[in-house]
Amino acid sequence: MVSGSYTNLVGIQDFDFQFDFSEVTFYNEKMSEEEYLIKRKKDKDGDDIDKLENHWEETKTVNIPNKTVDVANKNS
């Protein structure tokens, strides 16, 4: 999490967000993204692994950014 003053942002209309999942952890075990995907693949046990990977990539690159921007716009 980066913190700071919003003073210099007065009047700025557009932002370029970059989402970094490198330090995100999952579950109580605090799994890394890689460990999380391995666990999910094992849980699927024969289901379409490519579909799982594609869904996760879409979640990271489309769904989470879109939801974050929606919430930011609603609350700003």
Protein backbone atom coordinates (compact mmCIF):
# COMPACT_ATOMS: atom_id res chain seq x y z
CA MET A 1 0.00 0.00 0.00
CA VAL A 2 1.33 3.39 -0.96
CA SER A 3 0.22 6.40 1.04
CA GLY A 4 0.64 10.14 0.77
CA SER A 5 -1.08 13.45 0.31
CA TYR A 6 -3.71 14.07 -2.36
CA THR A 7 -2.89 17.81 -2.46
CA ASN A 8 -0.96 17.59 -5.75
CA LEU A 9 -3.84 15.74 -7.42
CA VAL A 10 -6.33 18.63 -7.31
CA GLY A 11 -7.76 19.15 -10.78
CA ILE A 12 -6.41 15.91 -12.26
CA GLN A 13 -9.15 14.05 -14.11
CA ASP A 14 -7.41 10.89 -15.35
CA PHE A 15 -5.24 8.33 -13.58
CA ASP A 16 -3.16 5.45 -14.89
CA PHE A 17 -3.59 2.55 -12.46
CA GLN A 18 -1.12 -0.30 -12.36
CA PHE A 19 -2.10 -3.34 -10.33
CA ASP A 20 0.74 -5.32 -8.77
CA PHE A 21 -0.19 -8.74 -7.42
CA SER A 22 3.38 -9.73 -6.52
CA GLU A 23 2.79 -9.38 -2.77
CA VAL A 24 -0.81 -10.62 -2.63
CA THR A 25 -1.41 -13.67 -0.48
CA PHE A 26 -4.31 -16.12 -0.51
CA TYR A 27 -6.10 -18.08 2.19
CA ASN A 28 -5.00 -18.30 5.83
CA GLU A 29 -1.83 -20.05 4.65
CA LYS A 30 -0.73 -16.79 2.98
CA MET A 31 -0.02 -18.55 -0.31
CA SER A 32 1.70 -16.70 -3.13
CA GLU A 33 -0.13 -16.35 -6.44
CA GLU A 34 1.85 -19.28 -7.83
CA GLU A 35 1.03 -21.49 -4.82
CA TYR A 36 -2.62 -20.46 -5.08
CA LEU A 37 -2.79 -21.48 -8.73
CA ILE A 38 -1.11 -24.82 -7.99
CA LYS A 39 -3.66 -25.49 -5.23
CA ARG A 40 -6.55 -24.51 -7.49
CA LYS A 41 -5.26 -26.82 -10.23
CA LYS A 42 -5.04 -29.71 -7.76
CA ASP A 43 -8.56 -28.95 -6.51
CA LYS A 44 -9.86 -29.05 -10.08
CA ASP A 45 -8.34 -32.53 -10.57
CA GLY A 46 -8.85 -33.06 -14.26
CA ASP A 47 -11.10 -30.10 -15.03
CA ASP A 48 -10.02 -27.68 -17.73
CA ILE A 49 -6.83 -26.16 -16.26
CA ASP A 50 -6.47 -23.74 -19.18
CA LYS A 51 -9.93 -22.39 -18.41
CA LEU A 52 -8.89 -21.83 -14.78
CA GLU A 53 -5.71 -20.00 -15.81
CA ASN A 54 -7.57 -17.87 -18.36
CA HIS A 55 -10.24 -17.01 -15.79
CA TRP A 56 -7.60 -15.95 -13.26
CA GLU A 57 -5.80 -13.78 -15.84
CA GLU A 58 -9.09 -12.15 -16.80
CA THR A 59 -9.87 -11.56 -13.13
CA LYS A 60 -6.48 -9.87 -12.59
CA THR A 61 -6.37 -7.83 -15.77
CA VAL A 62 -10.04 -6.94 -16.33
CA ASN A 63 -12.41 -7.65 -13.45
CA ILE A 64 -10.38 -6.32 -10.50
CA PRO A 65 -9.25 -3.13 -12.29
CA ASN A 66 -12.79 -2.43 -13.54
CA LYS A 67 -14.30 -2.95 -10.09
CA THR A 68 -11.60 -0.78 -8.48
CA VAL A 69 -12.22 2.07 -10.93
CA ASP A 70 -16.00 1.76 -10.44
CA VAL A 71 -15.63 2.02 -6.66
CA ALA A 72 -13.16 4.91 -6.96
CA ASN A 73 -15.51 6.81 -9.28
CA LYS A 74 -18.48 6.17 -7.01
CA ASN A 75 -16.63 7.38 -3.92
CA SER A 76 -14.77 10.37 -5.35
